[in-house]
Amino acid sequence: MVIRTGRADLDFGGIRTEFGLPEEFPADALAEAQAAVSRDVGLADREDATDLPFVTIDPPGAKDLDQALLVERVGSGFRVHYAIADLGAFVVPGGALDTEVRKRGQTLYLPDGNVPLHPPVLSEGAASLLPGQTRPSVLWTFECGPDGEPVEVRVRRAVVRSTAQFDYEGVQAQFDAGTPHPSIEALPDFGRLRRERAVERGAVELQLPEQEIVPNGDGDWKLAVRPRADVDSWNAEISLLTGMSAAKIMIDAKVGVLRTLPDADDGAVDALRRSAHALGVPWPAGMTPSRLLAGLDPSRPEALALFVDATRLLRGAGYTAFNGEVPAVSTHAGLAAPYAHVTAPLRRLVDRFATEVCLAVTAGQDVPGWLAKALPLLPGLMGGSDAVASKVDRACLDQVEAWVLADRVGQRFEAVVLRADANGADVFVAQPPVMGRCTGENLPEGERIAVRLVEADPERRKVVFERL
């Protein structure tokens, strides 16, 4: 059941109705989930890793905890343990719950309540890696050299027990104070190494402002920009390492499902070079787009504009399933490496299936028939789900932008021009943090301009500015 917060006249019911989002799980799927909680999920047959002091790092108040980590220094290198919630222990292939989660594809996060992929009895209960609870998991262990690259990777089913639940801000504060938890004391060094390897590969990271919708304490909503802490990047590198290792396992075995993105063509890179020149961003000869973008200061207006222009390098992402032959496109251009989703099975459908492939392959077993049959369906299921999730996220932001600006029509704001065309430009207003459309000719990309709000329509979820 969805638990809503905020004023009834400022909820997101219209968006839920518009996109046909489900309010409840079917009775047979709920019954199957409850039965899964009650039955023996084979903990005794798993590796006992409950002595490892795992911790979790998630947004404040999160209950659907997919990952727990432990990063250790071993000689001149590192050992990383990464425990992932094991949905394969609870979901019966072809059952009522499996059928329902295939329809949903992923958890959708709306400000007034989530639309979960799995019933909360699993996603926030028996399958979640909550602190102090013994849980079935899929445990990845990486033995890495001084350069942060893995020299040995192991994956198997295990039993784990997280010792603490942290949020990003709290962990960053620990590091800033010099008092990190021992389980992640080595995370900054390892994360920096992995990030440097990513830039060397040619991975593209766009440091764009991340808008958040949060309760304002008065029963309605406000917009904020989520701060980008170093710990966000370090933690993400653990997940990326796992996804790249999973992709290698599947490619070597010639069976699985990858997250793919074709390489940008020369025209897209040339266009980015022209944008950098127009914005006054120096681009030394021989420097890759990855290195250039990684060195920009995201607080600078010209950097924001170039990050927006760089999205042209990351078009065409999808999922590619294969069995018997490696696909022609097997890499993710944004990461400059093969990659697979395996680290968020509570919240994303494909992760459970990709994980089962990795477990079978590394155990020297054939991929089960039910899994081989499901693989070709996953790109379509996930593509449809991603499209809905993107539209819902955008609709929620548009809705709140219109709400918070509704009584400010005619007022003046400072804005950064992000991407201009013949009819106007997309602009970013910092206070409140809004991305909207601005009318006017010859708007200068990467520069600050004064704008006036001319429309903020909550019914149409539309905000328009004009240049002063």
Protein backbone atom coordinates (compact mmCIF):
# COMPACT_ATOMS: atom_id res chain seq x y z
CA MET A 1 0.00 0.00 0.00
CA VAL A 2 1.26 3.50 -0.83
CA ILE A 3 1.75 5.72 2.23
CA ARG A 4 1.39 9.32 1.13
CA THR A 5 2.71 12.49 2.75
CA GLY A 6 1.96 16.14 2.05
CA ARG A 7 -1.28 18.05 1.48
CA ALA A 8 -4.06 16.19 -0.30
CA ASP A 9 -4.47 19.00 -2.81
CA LEU A 10 -0.75 18.89 -3.59
CA ASP A 11 -0.29 15.15 -4.01
CA PHE A 12 0.71 13.29 -7.14
CA GLY A 13 -2.48 11.36 -7.72
CA GLY A 14 -2.91 12.92 -11.14
CA ILE A 15 0.47 11.62 -12.25
CA ARG A 16 -0.29 8.17 -10.86
CA THR A 17 -3.53 8.10 -12.81
CA GLU A 18 -1.99 9.53 -15.99
CA PHE A 19 0.65 6.80 -16.14
CA GLY A 20 -1.56 4.00 -14.81
CA LEU A 21 0.66 3.27 -11.83
CA PRO A 22 -0.56 0.36 -9.69
CA GLU A 23 -1.77 1.10 -6.17
CA GLU A 24 -1.67 -2.47 -4.84
CA PHE A 25 -0.20 -5.87 -5.58
CA PRO A 26 -2.53 -8.64 -6.75
CA ALA A 27 -3.68 -10.89 -3.91
CA ASP A 28 -1.92 -13.95 -5.31
CA ALA A 29 1.39 -12.09 -5.62
CA LEU A 30 1.08 -10.82 -2.04
CA ALA A 31 0.27 -14.31 -0.80
CA GLU A 32 3.29 -15.71 -2.61
CA ALA A 33 5.55 -13.05 -1.09
CA GLN A 34 4.23 -13.76 2.39
CA ALA A 35 4.76 -17.49 1.88
CA ALA A 36 8.34 -16.82 0.76
CA VAL A 37 9.02 -14.97 4.01
CA SER A 38 7.76 -17.93 6.01
CA ARG A 39 9.56 -20.75 4.18
CA ASP A 40 13.11 -21.98 4.59
CA VAL A 41 15.25 -20.13 2.03
CA GLY A 42 18.23 -22.43 2.52
CA LEU A 43 20.41 -20.31 4.81
CA ALA A 44 22.18 -23.43 6.08
CA ASP A 45 23.35 -24.30 2.57
CA ARG A 46 25.11 -20.96 2.02
CA GLU A 47 28.54 -19.68 2.91
CA ASP A 48 28.38 -18.14 6.38
CA ALA A 49 29.72 -14.60 6.07
CA THR A 50 28.00 -13.20 9.15
CA ASP A 51 31.39 -12.50 10.75
CA LEU A 52 32.16 -9.84 8.10
CA PRO A 53 31.29 -6.35 9.45
CA PHE A 54 29.23 -5.08 6.53
CA VAL A 55 27.63 -1.62 6.51
CA THR A 56 25.09 -0.02 4.19
CA ILE A 57 25.07 3.50 2.69
CA ASP A 58 21.72 4.73 1.37
CA PRO A 59 19.53 7.85 1.33
CA PRO A 60 18.13 8.82 4.75
CA GLY A 61 15.18 6.69 5.82
CA ALA A 62 15.64 4.05 3.11
CA LYS A 63 14.35 0.57 3.97
CA ASP A 64 14.90 -1.23 0.65
CA LEU A 65 18.61 -1.86 1.18
CA ASP A 66 20.14 -3.70 -1.79
CA GLN A 67 23.85 -3.50 -1.00
CA ALA A 68 26.20 -3.84 1.95
CA LEU A 69 29.93 -3.31 1.68
CA LEU A 70 33.27 -3.88 3.38
CA VAL A 71 36.50 -2.44 1.99
CA GLU A 72 39.82 -3.63 3.41
CA ARG A 73 43.47 -2.94 2.69
CA VAL A 74 45.40 -6.14 2.01
CA GLY A 75 49.11 -5.52 1.62
CA SER A 76 49.51 -2.92 -1.10
CA GLY A 77 46.09 -3.73 -2.56
CA PHE A 78 42.46 -4.02 -1.49
CA ARG A 79 39.83 -6.64 -0.76
CA VAL A 80 36.25 -5.56 -1.37
CA HIS A 81 33.26 -7.58 -0.17
CA TYR A 82 29.93 -6.51 -1.67
CA ALA A 83 26.77 -8.25 -0.52
CA ILE A 84 23.66 -7.91 -2.69
CA ALA A 85 20.11 -8.76 -1.61
CA ASP A 86 19.21 -12.19 -2.99
CA LEU A 87 15.74 -12.02 -4.52
CA GLY A 88 16.32 -15.42 -6.11
CA ALA A 89 15.79 -16.88 -2.66
CA PHE A 90 12.24 -15.52 -2.51
CA VAL A 91 10.79 -15.17 -6.04
CA VAL A 92 9.57 -18.39 -7.68
CA PRO A 93 10.24 -18.29 -11.45
CA GLY A 94 6.97 -18.20 -13.34
CA GLY A 95 4.90 -17.64 -10.21
CA ALA A 96 2.37 -14.94 -9.47
CA LEU A 97 4.96 -12.62 -7.92
CA ASP A 98 7.40 -13.10 -10.79
CA THR A 99 4.61 -12.29 -13.24
CA GLU A 100 3.73 -9.08 -11.40
CA VAL A 101 7.29 -7.77 -11.01
CA ARG A 102 7.92 -8.37 -14.70
CA LYS A 103 5.01 -6.01 -15.39
CA ARG A 104 6.41 -3.36 -13.05
CA GLY A 105 10.07 -3.51 -14.07
CA GLN A 106 11.41 -1.26 -11.31
CA THR A 107 10.51 0.72 -8.22
CA LEU A 108 9.15 4.17 -9.04
CA TYR A 109 9.95 6.92 -6.56
CA LEU A 110 7.32 9.64 -6.23
CA PRO A 111 7.55 12.32 -3.54
CA ASP A 112 4.35 11.19 -1.81
CA GLY A 113 5.11 7.45 -1.82
CA ASN A 114 6.88 4.77 -3.82
CA VAL A 115 5.45 2.28 -6.28
CA PRO A 116 7.63 -0.69 -5.29
CA LEU A 117 8.85 -3.46 -7.55
CA HIS A 118 8.35 -6.05 -4.81
CA PRO A 119 5.88 -6.11 -1.90
CA PRO A 120 7.33 -4.27 1.12
CA VAL A 121 7.25 -7.48 3.16
CA LEU A 122 10.20 -8.45 0.95
CA SER A 123 11.75 -5.18 -0.26
CA GLU A 124 11.65 -3.48 3.14
CA GLY A 125 11.66 -6.65 5.22
CA ALA A 126 12.88 -10.18 4.70
CA ALA A 127 15.05 -9.50 1.63
CA SER A 128 16.42 -6.09 2.67
CA LEU A 129 19.93 -5.95 4.17
CA LEU A 130 18.75 -4.19 7.31
CA PRO A 131 21.24 -3.76 10.16
CA GLY A 132 21.43 -6.54 12.74
CA GLN A 133 19.43 -8.98 10.59
CA THR A 134 20.70 -12.25 9.13
CA ARG A 135 19.92 -12.17 5.42
CA PRO A 136 20.47 -14.29 2.31
CA SER A 137 22.71 -12.49 -0.15
CA VAL A 138 24.77 -12.85 -3.28
CA LEU A 139 28.30 -12.09 -2.11
CA TRP A 140 30.89 -10.64 -4.49
CA THR A 141 34.52 -10.54 -3.35
CA PHE A 142 37.19 -8.65 -5.30
CA GLU A 143 40.90 -9.07 -4.70
CA CYS A 144 42.39 -5.92 -6.19
CA GLY A 145 45.93 -4.77 -6.83
CA PRO A 146 47.50 -1.42 -5.89
CA ASP A 147 45.96 0.11 -9.01
CA GLY A 148 42.43 -0.83 -7.93
CA GLU A 149 41.98 -3.39 -10.71
CA PRO A 150 40.60 -6.82 -9.74
CA VAL A 151 42.93 -9.81 -10.06
CA GLU A 152 40.37 -12.28 -8.67
CA VAL A 153 36.58 -12.16 -8.52
CA ARG A 154 34.34 -14.55 -6.62
CA VAL A 155 30.53 -14.63 -6.50
CA ARG A 156 28.41 -17.06 -4.49
CA ARG A 157 25.34 -17.29 -2.30
CA ALA A 158 26.02 -16.43 1.34
CA VAL A 159 24.47 -15.36 4.62
CA VAL A 160 25.40 -11.88 5.86
CA ARG A 161 24.54 -9.53 8.70
CA SER A 162 24.97 -5.78 8.29
CA THR A 163 26.33 -4.08 11.39
CA ALA A 164 25.26 -0.48 10.67
CA GLN A 165 23.07 1.60 8.36
CA PHE A 166 24.49 4.94 7.22
CA ASP A 167 23.39 7.71 4.89
CA TYR A 168 25.63 9.59 2.46
CA GLU A 169 25.74 12.85 4.40
CA GLY A 170 26.60 11.07 7.64
CA VAL A 171 29.39 9.04 6.05
CA GLN A 172 30.82 12.16 4.40
CA ALA A 173 30.81 13.88 7.79
CA GLN A 174 32.69 10.93 9.28
CA PHE A 175 35.39 11.19 6.63
CA ASP A 176 35.59 14.97 6.93
CA ALA A 177 36.09 14.59 10.70
CA GLY A 178 38.70 11.86 10.27
CA THR A 179 36.56 9.29 12.11
CA PRO A 180 35.29 6.84 9.46
CA HIS A 181 33.76 3.50 10.35
CA PRO A 182 36.48 0.80 10.12
CA SER A 183 34.50 -1.13 7.47
CA ILE A 184 34.80 1.74 5.00
CA GLU A 185 37.97 3.48 6.17
CA ALA A 186 39.69 2.40 2.93
CA LEU A 187 36.78 3.47 0.70
CA PRO A 188 38.18 6.92 -0.26
CA ASP A 189 41.52 5.53 -1.44
CA PHE A 190 39.87 2.72 -3.36
CA GLY A 191 37.16 4.96 -4.79
CA ARG A 192 39.69 7.51 -6.04
CA LEU A 193 41.72 4.76 -7.70
CA ARG A 194 38.64 3.39 -9.44
CA ARG A 195 37.57 6.85 -10.56
CA GLU A 196 41.00 7.49 -12.07
CA ARG A 197 40.82 4.16 -13.90
CA ALA A 198 37.41 5.24 -15.24
CA VAL A 199 38.79 8.50 -16.63
CA GLU A 200 41.71 6.62 -18.19
CA ARG A 201 39.24 4.26 -19.90
CA GLY A 202 37.28 7.19 -21.27
CA ALA A 203 34.22 7.03 -19.00
CA VAL A 204 31.98 10.12 -19.16
CA GLU A 205 30.57 11.65 -15.98
CA LEU A 206 28.18 14.60 -16.23
CA GLN A 207 28.10 16.59 -13.01
CA LEU A 208 24.70 18.18 -13.55
CA PRO A 209 22.59 19.53 -10.67
CA GLU A 210 20.37 16.79 -9.25
CA GLN A 211 16.99 18.25 -8.33
CA GLU A 212 15.16 16.80 -5.35
CA ILE A 213 11.57 17.17 -4.20
CA VAL A 214 11.32 17.27 -0.41
CA PRO A 215 8.57 18.09 2.12
CA ASN A 216 8.88 21.66 3.35
CA GLY A 217 7.43 21.00 6.80
CA ASP A 218 4.13 22.75 6.07
CA GLY A 219 2.42 19.85 4.32
CA ASP A 220 3.55 20.71 0.81
CA TRP A 221 6.73 20.52 -1.23
CA LYS A 222 9.91 22.39 -2.08
CA LEU A 223 12.77 21.90 -4.52
CA ALA A 224 16.37 21.38 -3.51
CA VAL A 225 19.61 20.40 -5.19
CA ARG A 226 21.09 17.23 -3.80
CA PRO A 227 24.69 17.96 -2.83
CA ARG A 228 27.30 15.83 -4.61
CA ALA A 229 29.52 14.45 -1.86
CA ASP A 230 32.73 12.57 -2.54
CA VAL A 231 31.30 9.50 -0.84
CA ASP A 232 28.58 9.30 -3.52
CA SER A 233 31.24 8.84 -6.18
CA TRP A 234 33.35 6.41 -4.12
CA ASN A 235 30.36 4.25 -3.28
CA ALA A 236 29.18 4.25 -6.91
CA GLU A 237 32.56 2.91 -8.00
CA ILE A 238 31.96 -0.27 -5.97
CA SER A 239 28.68 -0.86 -7.78
CA LEU A 240 30.29 -0.13 -11.15
CA LEU A 241 33.14 -2.56 -10.41
CA THR A 242 30.56 -5.24 -9.66
CA GLY A 243 28.56 -4.54 -12.81
CA MET A 244 31.66 -4.61 -15.01
CA SER A 245 32.80 -7.88 -13.43
CA ALA A 246 29.36 -9.39 -13.99
CA ALA A 247 29.48 -8.34 -17.64
CA LYS A 248 32.86 -10.02 -18.11
CA ILE A 249 31.54 -13.25 -16.60
CA MET A 250 28.57 -13.26 -18.98
CA ILE A 251 30.57 -12.26 -22.06
CA ASP A 252 33.13 -14.99 -21.38
CA ALA A 253 30.28 -17.49 -21.09
CA LYS A 254 28.42 -15.99 -24.09
CA VAL A 255 25.14 -15.77 -22.20
CA GLY A 256 23.47 -13.00 -20.23
CA VAL A 257 22.01 -9.51 -20.42
CA LEU A 258 24.07 -6.32 -20.60
CA ARG A 259 23.37 -2.63 -20.19
CA THR A 260 24.70 -1.24 -23.47
CA LEU A 261 25.33 2.15 -25.05
CA PRO A 262 26.86 2.56 -28.52
CA ASP A 263 29.99 4.67 -28.87
CA ALA A 264 29.34 8.26 -29.86
CA ASP A 265 30.19 8.98 -33.46
CA ASP A 266 32.87 11.47 -34.49
CA GLY A 267 30.19 14.03 -35.27
CA ALA A 268 29.01 14.12 -31.63
CA VAL A 269 32.55 14.62 -30.35
CA ASP A 270 33.23 17.33 -32.95
CA ALA A 271 30.02 19.08 -31.92
CA LEU A 272 31.14 18.98 -28.29
CA ARG A 273 34.48 20.50 -29.29
CA ARG A 274 32.67 23.34 -31.02
CA SER A 275 30.53 23.89 -27.93
CA ALA A 276 33.61 23.99 -25.70
CA HIS A 277 35.21 26.57 -27.99
CA ALA A 278 32.06 28.71 -28.04
CA LEU A 279 31.82 28.52 -24.24
CA GLY A 280 35.46 29.45 -23.77
CA VAL A 281 36.38 26.11 -22.22
CA PRO A 282 39.98 25.21 -23.19
CA TRP A 283 40.33 21.75 -24.74
CA PRO A 284 44.04 20.87 -25.10
CA ALA A 285 45.10 18.77 -28.08
CA GLY A 286 45.06 15.08 -27.31
CA MET A 287 42.81 15.38 -24.24
CA THR A 288 39.88 12.95 -24.23
CA PRO A 289 36.31 14.11 -23.58
CA SER A 290 36.40 12.06 -20.37
CA ARG A 291 39.46 13.88 -19.03
CA LEU A 292 38.11 17.28 -20.06
CA LEU A 293 34.73 16.78 -18.39
CA ALA A 294 36.27 15.30 -15.24
CA GLY A 295 38.37 18.43 -14.80
CA LEU A 296 35.55 20.98 -15.01
CA ASP A 297 34.22 22.89 -12.01
CA PRO A 298 30.47 22.08 -11.93
CA SER A 299 29.73 25.37 -10.19
CA ARG A 300 30.80 27.31 -13.28
CA PRO A 301 28.00 28.23 -15.73
CA GLU A 302 30.04 27.29 -18.80
CA ALA A 303 30.69 23.86 -17.24
CA LEU A 304 26.96 23.30 -16.70
CA ALA A 305 26.26 24.17 -20.32
CA LEU A 306 29.00 21.84 -21.56
CA PHE A 307 27.72 18.99 -19.38
CA VAL A 308 24.29 19.44 -20.98
CA ASP A 309 25.84 19.45 -24.46
CA ALA A 310 27.80 16.30 -23.55
CA THR A 311 24.57 14.34 -23.16
CA ARG A 312 24.80 13.90 -26.96
CA LEU A 313 27.63 11.43 -26.22
CA LEU A 314 25.29 9.22 -24.20
CA ARG A 315 22.33 8.55 -26.48
CA GLY A 316 20.90 5.14 -27.28
CA ALA A 317 21.24 3.22 -23.99
CA GLY A 318 19.40 -0.06 -23.77
CA TYR A 319 19.62 -3.69 -22.72
CA THR A 320 21.09 -6.47 -24.84
CA ALA A 321 20.36 -10.13 -24.13
CA PHE A 322 22.39 -12.90 -25.74
CA ASN A 323 22.84 -16.68 -25.58
CA GLY A 324 25.49 -18.43 -27.63
CA GLU A 325 27.07 -15.43 -29.33
CA VAL A 326 28.45 -12.16 -27.95
CA PRO A 327 26.50 -9.19 -29.39
CA ALA A 328 28.14 -6.72 -31.76
CA VAL A 329 27.65 -3.92 -29.20
CA SER A 330 28.65 -5.25 -25.79
CA THR A 331 29.98 -2.13 -24.07
CA HIS A 332 28.51 0.92 -22.37
CA ALA A 333 30.09 4.01 -23.90
CA GLY A 334 29.43 6.10 -20.80
CA LEU A 335 31.55 3.70 -18.76
CA ALA A 336 33.93 2.77 -21.59
CA ALA A 337 33.54 -0.89 -20.62
CA PRO A 338 31.07 -3.77 -20.73
CA TYR A 339 28.54 -3.44 -17.91
CA ALA A 340 25.55 -5.25 -16.43
CA HIS A 341 23.01 -4.35 -13.76
CA VAL A 342 23.33 -6.74 -10.80
CA THR A 343 23.47 -4.54 -7.69
CA ALA A 344 19.86 -3.36 -7.14
CA PRO A 345 17.56 -6.41 -7.40
CA LEU A 346 15.09 -5.06 -4.84
CA ARG A 347 14.43 -2.08 -7.09
CA ARG A 348 15.18 -3.25 -10.64
CA LEU A 349 13.95 -6.39 -12.38
CA VAL A 350 16.91 -7.20 -14.64
CA ASP A 351 19.39 -7.47 -11.75
CA ARG A 352 17.88 -10.70 -10.45
CA PHE A 353 18.18 -12.41 -13.82
CA ALA A 354 21.71 -11.20 -14.56
CA THR A 355 22.79 -12.30 -11.09
CA GLU A 356 21.39 -15.79 -11.65
CA VAL A 357 23.40 -16.05 -14.87
CA CYS A 358 26.61 -15.13 -13.01
CA LEU A 359 25.90 -17.63 -10.23
CA ALA A 360 25.26 -20.45 -12.68
CA VAL A 361 28.30 -19.70 -14.85
CA THR A 362 30.75 -19.35 -11.98
CA ALA A 363 29.45 -22.59 -10.44
CA GLY A 364 30.13 -24.39 -13.72
CA GLN A 365 26.44 -25.04 -14.32
CA ASP A 366 24.20 -24.52 -17.33
CA VAL A 367 21.87 -21.55 -17.22
CA PRO A 368 18.47 -22.94 -16.09
CA GLY A 369 15.80 -23.28 -18.75
CA TRP A 370 13.46 -20.74 -17.14
CA LEU A 371 16.29 -18.19 -17.13
CA ALA A 372 17.33 -18.82 -20.74
CA LYS A 373 13.70 -18.38 -21.74
CA ALA A 374 13.41 -15.09 -19.84
CA LEU A 375 16.57 -13.43 -21.16
CA PRO A 376 15.19 -12.33 -24.58
CA LEU A 377 12.22 -10.69 -22.85
CA LEU A 378 14.25 -8.48 -20.53
CA PRO A 379 15.32 -5.73 -22.96
CA GLY A 380 11.70 -5.00 -23.82
CA LEU A 381 10.50 -5.17 -20.22
CA MET A 382 13.26 -2.90 -18.95
CA GLY A 383 13.06 -0.50 -21.89
CA GLY A 384 9.37 0.05 -21.25
CA SER A 385 9.91 0.41 -17.53
CA ASP A 386 12.77 2.89 -17.95
CA ALA A 387 10.63 5.02 -20.25
CA VAL A 388 7.81 5.18 -17.70
CA ALA A 389 10.23 5.94 -14.84
CA SER A 390 11.82 8.78 -16.79
CA LYS A 391 8.45 10.31 -17.67
CA VAL A 392 7.18 10.00 -14.09
CA ASP A 393 10.32 11.63 -12.67
CA ARG A 394 10.06 14.51 -15.15
CA ALA A 395 6.33 14.95 -14.53
CA CYS A 396 6.87 15.14 -10.76
CA LEU A 397 9.60 17.75 -11.15
CA ASP A 398 7.50 19.76 -13.61
CA GLN A 399 4.56 19.59 -11.21
CA VAL A 400 6.49 20.86 -8.20
CA GLU A 401 8.27 23.54 -10.23
CA ALA A 402 4.86 24.87 -11.26
CA TRP A 403 3.55 24.66 -7.68
CA VAL A 404 6.45 26.54 -6.07
CA LEU A 405 6.48 29.24 -8.76
CA ALA A 406 2.72 29.66 -9.19
CA ASP A 407 2.58 32.86 -7.10
CA ARG A 408 5.80 34.36 -8.51
CA VAL A 409 4.76 35.13 -12.09
CA GLY A 410 6.30 38.43 -13.16
CA GLN A 411 9.27 38.15 -10.79
CA ARG A 412 12.92 38.39 -11.86
CA PHE A 413 15.40 35.52 -11.50
CA GLU A 414 19.04 34.86 -12.31
CA ALA A 415 19.54 31.93 -14.69
CA VAL A 416 22.29 30.02 -16.50
CA VAL A 417 21.67 29.31 -20.18
CA LEU A 418 22.22 25.57 -20.76
CA ARG A 419 21.24 24.80 -24.35
CA ALA A 420 19.96 27.34 -26.86
CA ASP A 421 18.19 27.07 -30.20
CA ALA A 422 16.50 29.47 -32.58
CA ASN A 423 13.39 29.85 -30.39
CA GLY A 424 14.91 30.12 -26.93
CA ALA A 425 16.87 28.04 -24.46
CA ASP A 426 16.76 25.65 -21.54
CA VAL A 427 17.87 27.53 -18.43
CA PHE A 428 18.76 26.65 -14.84
CA VAL A 429 17.56 28.91 -12.04
CA ALA A 430 19.40 28.26 -8.78
CA GLN A 431 16.83 29.70 -6.33
CA PRO A 432 14.55 27.84 -6.32
CA PRO A 433 16.41 25.15 -8.32
CA VAL A 434 14.34 24.97 -11.50
CA MET A 435 15.16 23.91 -15.04
CA GLY A 436 12.78 25.57 -17.46
CA ARG A 437 12.28 27.01 -20.91
CA CYS A 438 13.19 30.63 -21.66
CA THR A 439 12.02 32.49 -24.74
CA GLY A 440 14.23 34.89 -26.61
CA GLU A 441 16.67 35.11 -29.50
CA ASN A 442 20.43 34.56 -29.42
CA LEU A 443 20.52 33.44 -25.81
CA PRO A 444 24.19 32.93 -24.83
CA GLU A 445 24.97 29.35 -23.78
CA GLY A 446 27.03 29.09 -20.62
CA GLU A 447 26.31 32.62 -19.45
CA ARG A 448 24.23 34.05 -16.64
CA ILE A 449 21.25 36.15 -17.67
CA ALA A 450 18.30 37.83 -16.01
CA VAL A 451 14.90 36.30 -16.75
CA ARG A 452 11.30 37.00 -15.86
CA LEU A 453 8.81 34.25 -15.02
CA VAL A 454 5.89 34.60 -17.46
CA GLU A 455 4.02 31.35 -16.82
CA ALA A 456 3.74 28.78 -14.01
CA ASP A 457 0.72 26.57 -14.67
CA PRO A 458 0.22 23.67 -12.19
CA GLU A 459 -2.58 22.21 -14.32
CA ARG A 460 -0.36 21.84 -17.38
CA ARG A 461 2.82 21.41 -15.31
CA LYS A 462 4.46 24.14 -17.37
CA VAL A 463 6.96 26.86 -16.47
CA VAL A 464 8.19 29.50 -18.94
CA PHE A 465 10.64 32.39 -18.54
CA GLU A 466 11.58 35.25 -20.84
CA ARG A 467 14.86 37.11 -21.04
CA LEU A 468 14.92 40.58 -19.56
